[in-house]
Amino acid sequence: MLLEIGSFVIIVTVIALLASYALVAPRSQWLGKTLVSGDPQLPAVCLTFDDGPGESTPLILDALKRHGIRATFFLLGENVVRLPEVVCRIAEEGHEIGNHSYSHPYLCWKGPGTILWEVRRTQEVIGAVTGRRPTLFRPPYGVRWFGLSSILDMLGLTPVMWSVSSVDWRFPAPRIVNRVVRKTRNGSIILLHDGVPDKEGGDRRATAEALDELIQTLAKRYRFVTASEMLP
């Protein structure tokens, strides 16, 4: 009896670990082909910013402009509605804009109707502000769910994850720089944040403060490209 219970626990644990990998591991391809990094043979990296636009986005745009860098911004629909003038600036300065859902929910356990609304509504609001709908999507919290891949296919969106997380919501600027520089390799897609979901607190000033030093350090070894330029 104890042996049977032990075997059951092991099986359940393995299933849970596999499900967790499929849903949240950035490199997982189990729920659909996803861009995680670029060509490891090329010295190119991509800066990506999630959850914006936000109050720190203009400072981040200033830094990118100083260094002549184009980045990819995965925007929240609710923040696009709140700060359309910042979205216009992102587009006007040549940066790439991706879809990051409307309200930043965990997509797990959400029905296809809810997921479709989150993605399609964001396509609509970004298109209304910039005149162009995104072609890239990053799931909130990096969590994917069953049915998401078919919805993205229907809307012409390519899913993009990351290979380097800055953990910039937790660290001060020097630690952000140290962590990203230490982990970056050829083809890295780097996760940063320029905004905050409406239901969460905090700010992104540390990210803005880190950006000049981060760019200067990485530029010694890599050139900067957008996420779509990482596509094979």
C-alpha atoms as a PDB file:
ATOM      1  CA  MET A   1       0.000   0.000   0.000  1.00  0.00           C
ATOM      2  CA  LEU A   2       2.778   2.436   0.960  1.00  0.00           C
ATOM      3  CA  LEU A   3       4.610   1.517  -2.242  1.00  0.00           C
ATOM      4  CA  GLU A   4       1.499   2.294  -4.302  1.00  0.00           C
ATOM      5  CA  ILE A   5       1.047   5.655  -2.584  1.00  0.00           C
ATOM      6  CA  GLY A   6       4.718   6.488  -3.124  1.00  0.00           C
ATOM      7  CA  SER A   7       4.467   5.615  -6.824  1.00  0.00           C
ATOM      8  CA  PHE A   8       1.337   7.751  -7.173  1.00  0.00           C
ATOM      9  CA  VAL A   9       3.070  10.741  -5.541  1.00  0.00           C
ATOM     10  CA  ILE A  10       6.043  10.362  -7.874  1.00  0.00           C
ATOM     11  CA  ILE A  11       3.803  10.217 -10.939  1.00  0.00           C
ATOM     12  CA  VAL A  12       1.817  13.273  -9.857  1.00  0.00           C
ATOM     13  CA  THR A  13       5.041  15.169  -9.136  1.00  0.00           C
ATOM     14  CA  VAL A  14       6.491  14.330 -12.543  1.00  0.00           C
ATOM     15  CA  ILE A  15       3.279  15.388 -14.289  1.00  0.00           C
ATOM     16  CA  ALA A  16       3.263  18.682 -12.353  1.00  0.00           C
ATOM     17  CA  LEU A  17       6.883  19.386 -13.251  1.00  0.00           C
ATOM     18  CA  LEU A  18       6.280  18.650 -16.925  1.00  0.00           C
ATOM     19  CA  ALA A  19       3.178  20.842 -16.974  1.00  0.00           C
ATOM     20  CA  SER A  20       5.081  23.642 -15.258  1.00  0.00           C
ATOM     21  CA  TYR A  21       7.846  23.420 -17.850  1.00  0.00           C
ATOM     22  CA  ALA A  22       5.369  23.485 -20.714  1.00  0.00           C
ATOM     23  CA  LEU A  23       3.505  26.516 -19.376  1.00  0.00           C
ATOM     24  CA  VAL A  24       6.175  28.786 -17.902  1.00  0.00           C
ATOM     25  CA  ALA A  25       9.686  27.767 -18.971  1.00  0.00           C
ATOM     26  CA  PRO A  26      10.851  30.449 -21.437  1.00  0.00           C
ATOM     27  CA  ARG A  27      12.537  27.888 -23.692  1.00  0.00           C
ATOM     28  CA  SER A  28       9.605  25.469 -23.808  1.00  0.00           C
ATOM     29  CA  GLN A  29       8.220  24.773 -27.277  1.00  0.00           C
ATOM     30  CA  TRP A  30       5.563  22.306 -26.104  1.00  0.00           C
ATOM     31  CA  LEU A  31       2.602  24.653 -26.590  1.00  0.00           C
ATOM     32  CA  GLY A  32       3.768  26.075 -29.896  1.00  0.00           C
ATOM     33  CA  LYS A  33       6.888  27.285 -31.633  1.00  0.00           C
ATOM     34  CA  THR A  34       8.201  30.327 -29.767  1.00  0.00           C
ATOM     35  CA  LEU A  35      11.102  32.713 -30.379  1.00  0.00           C
ATOM     36  CA  VAL A  36      13.457  32.569 -27.399  1.00  0.00           C
ATOM     37  CA  SER A  37      16.784  33.734 -28.809  1.00  0.00           C
ATOM     38  CA  GLY A  38      18.540  34.556 -32.046  1.00  0.00           C
ATOM     39  CA  ASP A  39      21.446  32.994 -33.926  1.00  0.00           C
ATOM     40  CA  PRO A  40      24.121  31.974 -31.370  1.00  0.00           C
ATOM     41  CA  GLN A  41      26.773  32.528 -34.029  1.00  0.00           C
ATOM     42  CA  LEU A  42      25.998  36.235 -34.440  1.00  0.00           C
ATOM     43  CA  PRO A  43      27.033  38.939 -31.925  1.00  0.00           C
ATOM     44  CA  ALA A  44      23.571  40.502 -31.775  1.00  0.00           C
ATOM     45  CA  VAL A  45      21.222  41.009 -28.829  1.00  0.00           C
ATOM     46  CA  CYS A  46      17.724  42.395 -28.381  1.00  0.00           C
ATOM     47  CA  LEU A  47      16.449  44.654 -25.614  1.00  0.00           C
ATOM     48  CA  THR A  48      12.758  44.078 -24.895  1.00  0.00           C
ATOM     49  CA  PHE A  49      10.544  46.040 -22.501  1.00  0.00           C
ATOM     50  CA  ASP A  50       7.301  44.710 -21.010  1.00  0.00           C
ATOM     51  CA  ASP A  51       4.197  46.154 -19.311  1.00  0.00           C
ATOM     52  CA  GLY A  52       4.410  49.666 -20.738  1.00  0.00           C
ATOM     53  CA  PRO A  53       3.964  52.311 -21.552  1.00  0.00           C
ATOM     54  CA  GLY A  54       4.578  53.792 -18.125  1.00  0.00           C
ATOM     55  CA  GLU A  55       5.916  56.839 -16.397  1.00  0.00           C
ATOM     56  CA  SER A  56       9.525  55.655 -16.877  1.00  0.00           C
ATOM     57  CA  THR A  57       9.122  54.963 -20.596  1.00  0.00           C
ATOM     58  CA  PRO A  58      10.180  58.490 -21.693  1.00  0.00           C
ATOM     59  CA  LEU A  59      13.423  58.149 -19.701  1.00  0.00           C
ATOM     60  CA  ILE A  60      14.075  54.779 -21.324  1.00  0.00           C
ATOM     61  CA  LEU A  61      13.354  56.227 -24.758  1.00  0.00           C
ATOM     62  CA  ASP A  62      15.779  59.063 -24.023  1.00  0.00           C
ATOM     63  CA  ALA A  63      18.535  56.557 -23.235  1.00  0.00           C
ATOM     64  CA  LEU A  64      17.846  54.490 -26.337  1.00  0.00           C
ATOM     65  CA  LYS A  65      17.916  57.639 -28.455  1.00  0.00           C
ATOM     66  CA  ARG A  66      21.255  58.750 -26.966  1.00  0.00           C
ATOM     67  CA  HIS A  67      22.825  55.493 -28.066  1.00  0.00           C
ATOM     68  CA  GLY A  68      20.989  55.084 -31.366  1.00  0.00           C
ATOM     69  CA  ILE A  69      19.402  51.812 -30.226  1.00  0.00           C
ATOM     70  CA  ARG A  70      16.140  50.301 -31.445  1.00  0.00           C
ATOM     71  CA  ALA A  71      14.287  48.042 -29.014  1.00  0.00           C
ATOM     72  CA  THR A  72      11.048  46.063 -28.841  1.00  0.00           C
ATOM     73  CA  PHE A  73       8.253  47.179 -26.494  1.00  0.00           C
ATOM     74  CA  PHE A  74       5.549  44.668 -25.521  1.00  0.00           C
ATOM     75  CA  LEU A  75       2.692  46.950 -24.517  1.00  0.00           C
ATOM     76  CA  LEU A  76      -0.376  46.436 -22.358  1.00  0.00           C
ATOM     77  CA  GLY A  77      -3.621  47.567 -23.933  1.00  0.00           C
ATOM     78  CA  GLU A  78      -4.800  49.273 -20.746  1.00  0.00           C
ATOM     79  CA  ASN A  79      -1.592  51.320 -20.595  1.00  0.00           C
ATOM     80  CA  VAL A  80      -1.841  52.183 -24.293  1.00  0.00           C
ATOM     81  CA  VAL A  81      -5.266  53.690 -23.580  1.00  0.00           C
ATOM     82  CA  ARG A  82      -3.857  55.559 -20.586  1.00  0.00           C
ATOM     83  CA  LEU A  83      -0.724  56.954 -22.264  1.00  0.00           C
ATOM     84  CA  PRO A  84      -1.296  57.083 -26.039  1.00  0.00           C
ATOM     85  CA  GLU A  85       1.161  59.946 -26.517  1.00  0.00           C
ATOM     86  CA  VAL A  86       3.999  57.776 -25.175  1.00  0.00           C
ATOM     87  CA  VAL A  87       2.988  54.974 -27.535  1.00  0.00           C
ATOM     88  CA  CYS A  88       3.164  57.440 -30.425  1.00  0.00           C
ATOM     89  CA  ARG A  89       6.674  58.405 -29.398  1.00  0.00           C
ATOM     90  CA  ILE A  90       7.764  54.742 -29.233  1.00  0.00           C
ATOM     91  CA  ALA A  91       6.529  54.237 -32.785  1.00  0.00           C
ATOM     92  CA  GLU A  92       7.843  57.546 -34.135  1.00  0.00           C
ATOM     93  CA  GLU A  93      11.343  56.833 -32.850  1.00  0.00           C
ATOM     94  CA  GLY A  94      11.485  53.575 -34.784  1.00  0.00           C
ATOM     95  CA  HIS A  95      11.033  51.020 -32.045  1.00  0.00           C
ATOM     96  CA  GLU A  96       9.137  47.802 -32.535  1.00  0.00           C
ATOM     97  CA  ILE A  97       5.818  47.348 -30.733  1.00  0.00           C
ATOM     98  CA  GLY A  98       4.461  43.978 -29.616  1.00  0.00           C
ATOM     99  CA  ASN A  99       1.254  42.832 -27.920  1.00  0.00           C
ATOM    100  CA  HIS A 100       1.430  41.919 -24.207  1.00  0.00           C
ATOM    101  CA  SER A 101      -2.339  41.425 -23.604  1.00  0.00           C
ATOM    102  CA  TYR A 102      -4.797  44.051 -22.418  1.00  0.00           C
ATOM    103  CA  SER A 103      -4.883  43.679 -18.614  1.00  0.00           C
ATOM    104  CA  HIS A 104      -1.895  41.384 -17.893  1.00  0.00           C
ATOM    105  CA  PRO A 105      -3.764  38.322 -16.563  1.00  0.00           C
ATOM    106  CA  TYR A 106      -2.352  34.887 -15.952  1.00  0.00           C
ATOM    107  CA  LEU A 107      -3.631  33.069 -19.047  1.00  0.00           C
ATOM    108  CA  CYS A 108      -3.669  29.687 -17.343  1.00  0.00           C
ATOM    109  CA  TRP A 109      -7.204  28.453 -16.650  1.00  0.00           C
ATOM    110  CA  LYS A 110      -8.613  31.174 -18.902  1.00  0.00           C
ATOM    111  CA  GLY A 111     -11.085  30.119 -21.606  1.00  0.00           C
ATOM    112  CA  PRO A 112     -10.392  30.741 -25.300  1.00  0.00           C
ATOM    113  CA  GLY A 113     -12.931  33.587 -25.389  1.00  0.00           C
ATOM    114  CA  THR A 114     -11.130  35.498 -22.633  1.00  0.00           C
ATOM    115  CA  ILE A 115      -7.705  34.923 -24.173  1.00  0.00           C
ATOM    116  CA  LEU A 116      -8.950  36.018 -27.586  1.00  0.00           C
ATOM    117  CA  TRP A 117     -10.423  39.216 -26.131  1.00  0.00           C
ATOM    118  CA  GLU A 118      -7.203  40.072 -24.267  1.00  0.00           C
ATOM    119  CA  VAL A 119      -5.087  39.674 -27.392  1.00  0.00           C
ATOM    120  CA  ARG A 120      -7.457  41.054 -30.004  1.00  0.00           C
ATOM    121  CA  ARG A 121      -8.465  44.107 -27.947  1.00  0.00           C
ATOM    122  CA  THR A 122      -4.800  45.027 -27.555  1.00  0.00           C
ATOM    123  CA  GLN A 123      -4.290  44.647 -31.298  1.00  0.00           C
ATOM    124  CA  GLU A 124      -7.143  47.095 -31.784  1.00  0.00           C
ATOM    125  CA  VAL A 125      -5.977  49.778 -29.353  1.00  0.00           C
ATOM    126  CA  ILE A 126      -2.357  49.680 -30.547  1.00  0.00           C
ATOM    127  CA  GLY A 127      -3.554  49.830 -34.155  1.00  0.00           C
ATOM    128  CA  ALA A 128      -5.813  52.781 -33.373  1.00  0.00           C
ATOM    129  CA  VAL A 129      -2.939  54.765 -31.817  1.00  0.00           C
ATOM    130  CA  THR A 130      -0.078  53.868 -34.181  1.00  0.00           C
ATOM    131  CA  GLY A 131      -1.894  52.932 -37.385  1.00  0.00           C
ATOM    132  CA  ARG A 132      -0.221  49.521 -37.344  1.00  0.00           C
ATOM    133  CA  ARG A 133      -1.086  46.315 -35.533  1.00  0.00           C
ATOM    134  CA  PRO A 134       1.698  44.276 -33.908  1.00  0.00           C
ATOM    135  CA  THR A 135       3.032  41.023 -35.315  1.00  0.00           C
ATOM    136  CA  LEU A 136       4.649  39.833 -32.054  1.00  0.00           C
ATOM    137  CA  PHE A 137       3.114  38.681 -28.761  1.00  0.00           C
ATOM    138  CA  ARG A 138       4.564  38.019 -25.332  1.00  0.00           C
ATOM    139  CA  PRO A 139       2.320  36.323 -22.747  1.00  0.00           C
ATOM    140  CA  PRO A 140       1.875  38.036 -19.374  1.00  0.00           C
ATOM    141  CA  TYR A 141       4.262  36.625 -16.761  1.00  0.00           C
ATOM    142  CA  GLY A 142       5.591  34.389 -19.538  1.00  0.00           C
ATOM    143  CA  VAL A 143       2.741  31.954 -18.866  1.00  0.00           C
ATOM    144  CA  ARG A 144       1.214  30.190 -21.866  1.00  0.00           C
ATOM    145  CA  TRP A 145      -1.960  28.135 -21.999  1.00  0.00           C
ATOM    146  CA  PHE A 146      -3.752  25.612 -24.184  1.00  0.00           C
ATOM    147  CA  GLY A 147      -5.386  27.275 -27.166  1.00  0.00           C
ATOM    148  CA  LEU A 148      -3.153  30.363 -27.115  1.00  0.00           C
ATOM    149  CA  SER A 149      -1.082  29.184 -30.073  1.00  0.00           C
ATOM    150  CA  SER A 150      -4.114  28.818 -32.364  1.00  0.00           C
ATOM    151  CA  ILE A 151      -5.386  32.277 -31.346  1.00  0.00           C
ATOM    152  CA  LEU A 152      -2.008  33.821 -32.146  1.00  0.00           C
ATOM    153  CA  ASP A 153      -1.958  32.039 -35.507  1.00  0.00           C
ATOM    154  CA  MET A 154      -5.421  33.392 -36.284  1.00  0.00           C
ATOM    155  CA  LEU A 155      -4.334  36.957 -35.479  1.00  0.00           C
ATOM    156  CA  GLY A 156      -0.996  36.684 -37.281  1.00  0.00           C
ATOM    157  CA  LEU A 157       1.114  36.958 -34.136  1.00  0.00           C
ATOM    158  CA  THR A 158       4.457  35.292 -33.377  1.00  0.00           C
ATOM    159  CA  PRO A 159       5.081  34.454 -29.689  1.00  0.00           C
ATOM    160  CA  VAL A 160       8.314  35.806 -28.203  1.00  0.00           C
ATOM    161  CA  MET A 161       9.828  34.859 -24.847  1.00  0.00           C
ATOM    162  CA  TRP A 162      13.357  35.666 -23.618  1.00  0.00           C
ATOM    163  CA  SER A 163      16.699  34.092 -22.809  1.00  0.00           C
ATOM    164  CA  VAL A 164      17.916  36.629 -20.203  1.00  0.00           C
ATOM    165  CA  SER A 165      15.707  38.012 -17.426  1.00  0.00           C
ATOM    166  CA  SER A 166      16.932  41.202 -15.755  1.00  0.00           C
ATOM    167  CA  VAL A 167      14.669  40.762 -12.697  1.00  0.00           C
ATOM    168  CA  ASP A 168      14.547  44.557 -12.821  1.00  0.00           C
ATOM    169  CA  TRP A 169      11.341  44.742 -10.767  1.00  0.00           C
ATOM    170  CA  ARG A 170      13.368  43.568  -7.758  1.00  0.00           C
ATOM    171  CA  PHE A 171      16.938  44.871  -8.157  1.00  0.00           C
ATOM    172  CA  PRO A 172      18.580  48.314  -8.072  1.00  0.00           C
ATOM    173  CA  ALA A 173      20.315  49.593 -11.200  1.00  0.00           C
ATOM    174  CA  PRO A 174      23.842  48.204 -10.506  1.00  0.00           C
ATOM    175  CA  ARG A 175      22.507  44.686  -9.935  1.00  0.00           C
ATOM    176  CA  ILE A 176      20.396  44.881 -13.088  1.00  0.00           C
ATOM    177  CA  VAL A 177      23.477  45.773 -15.123  1.00  0.00           C
ATOM    178  CA  ASN A 178      25.605  43.081 -13.495  1.00  0.00           C
ATOM    179  CA  ARG A 179      23.027  40.357 -13.960  1.00  0.00           C
ATOM    180  CA  VAL A 180      22.239  41.120 -17.587  1.00  0.00           C
ATOM    181  CA  VAL A 181      25.876  41.531 -18.650  1.00  0.00           C
ATOM    182  CA  ARG A 182      26.829  38.290 -16.907  1.00  0.00           C
ATOM    183  CA  LYS A 183      24.092  36.256 -18.573  1.00  0.00           C
ATOM    184  CA  THR A 184      24.064  37.756 -22.082  1.00  0.00           C
ATOM    185  CA  ARG A 185      25.416  35.746 -24.989  1.00  0.00           C
ATOM    186  CA  ASN A 186      25.180  35.931 -28.772  1.00  0.00           C
ATOM    187  CA  GLY A 187      21.509  36.008 -29.742  1.00  0.00           C
ATOM    188  CA  SER A 188      20.178  36.879 -26.288  1.00  0.00           C
ATOM    189  CA  ILE A 189      16.698  38.358 -25.993  1.00  0.00           C
ATOM    190  CA  ILE A 190      16.811  40.433 -22.811  1.00  0.00           C
ATOM    191  CA  LEU A 191      13.713  40.962 -20.670  1.00  0.00           C
ATOM    192  CA  LEU A 192      13.324  44.413 -19.077  1.00  0.00           C
ATOM    193  CA  HIS A 193      10.273  46.429 -17.994  1.00  0.00           C
ATOM    194  CA  ASP A 194       9.227  50.013 -18.696  1.00  0.00           C
ATOM    195  CA  GLY A 195       5.725  49.942 -17.195  1.00  0.00           C
ATOM    196  CA  VAL A 196       3.594  48.424 -14.450  1.00  0.00           C
ATOM    197  CA  PRO A 197       0.255  46.599 -14.829  1.00  0.00           C
ATOM    198  CA  ASP A 198      -2.669  48.544 -13.400  1.00  0.00           C
ATOM    199  CA  LYS A 199      -3.282  46.013 -10.618  1.00  0.00           C
ATOM    200  CA  GLU A 200       0.356  45.976  -9.474  1.00  0.00           C
ATOM    201  CA  GLY A 201       2.486  48.531  -7.668  1.00  0.00           C
ATOM    202  CA  GLY A 202       6.035  49.798  -8.054  1.00  0.00           C
ATOM    203  CA  ASP A 203       7.905  51.738 -10.700  1.00  0.00           C
ATOM    204  CA  ARG A 204      10.626  51.175 -13.301  1.00  0.00           C
ATOM    205  CA  ARG A 205      13.079  53.924 -12.351  1.00  0.00           C
ATOM    206  CA  ALA A 206      15.834  51.389 -11.633  1.00  0.00           C
ATOM    207  CA  THR A 207      15.553  50.093 -15.191  1.00  0.00           C
ATOM    208  CA  ALA A 208      15.844  53.599 -16.604  1.00  0.00           C
ATOM    209  CA  GLU A 209      18.850  54.301 -14.365  1.00  0.00           C
ATOM    210  CA  ALA A 210      20.573  51.093 -15.478  1.00  0.00           C
ATOM    211  CA  LEU A 211      20.120  51.541 -19.191  1.00  0.00           C
ATOM    212  CA  ASP A 212      23.037  53.838 -20.120  1.00  0.00           C
ATOM    213  CA  GLU A 213      25.652  51.658 -18.439  1.00  0.00           C
ATOM    214  CA  LEU A 214      23.983  48.487 -19.684  1.00  0.00           C
ATOM    215  CA  ILE A 215      23.998  49.631 -23.297  1.00  0.00           C
ATOM    216  CA  GLN A 216      27.557  50.951 -23.129  1.00  0.00           C
ATOM    217  CA  THR A 217      28.828  47.665 -21.688  1.00  0.00           C
ATOM    218  CA  LEU A 218      26.961  45.386 -24.080  1.00  0.00           C
ATOM    219  CA  ALA A 219      27.855  47.544 -27.093  1.00  0.00           C
ATOM    220  CA  LYS A 220      31.506  46.562 -26.665  1.00  0.00           C
ATOM    221  CA  ARG A 221      30.624  43.014 -27.753  1.00  0.00           C
ATOM    222  CA  TYR A 222      27.223  43.079 -29.452  1.00  0.00           C
ATOM    223  CA  ARG A 223      25.058  45.030 -31.850  1.00  0.00           C
ATOM    224  CA  PHE A 224      21.441  45.717 -30.983  1.00  0.00           C
ATOM    225  CA  VAL A 225      18.497  44.483 -33.063  1.00  0.00           C
ATOM    226  CA  THR A 226      14.731  44.197 -32.636  1.00  0.00           C
ATOM    227  CA  ALA A 227      12.931  40.966 -31.782  1.00  0.00           C
ATOM    228  CA  SER A 228      11.624  40.498 -35.325  1.00  0.00           C
ATOM    229  CA  GLU A 229      15.196  40.771 -36.594  1.00  0.00           C
ATOM    230  CA  MET A 230      15.977  37.734 -34.421  1.00  0.00           C
ATOM    231  CA  LEU A 231      13.493  35.580 -36.328  1.00  0.00           C
ATOM    232  CA  PRO A 232      15.088  32.885 -38.499  1.00  0.00           C
END
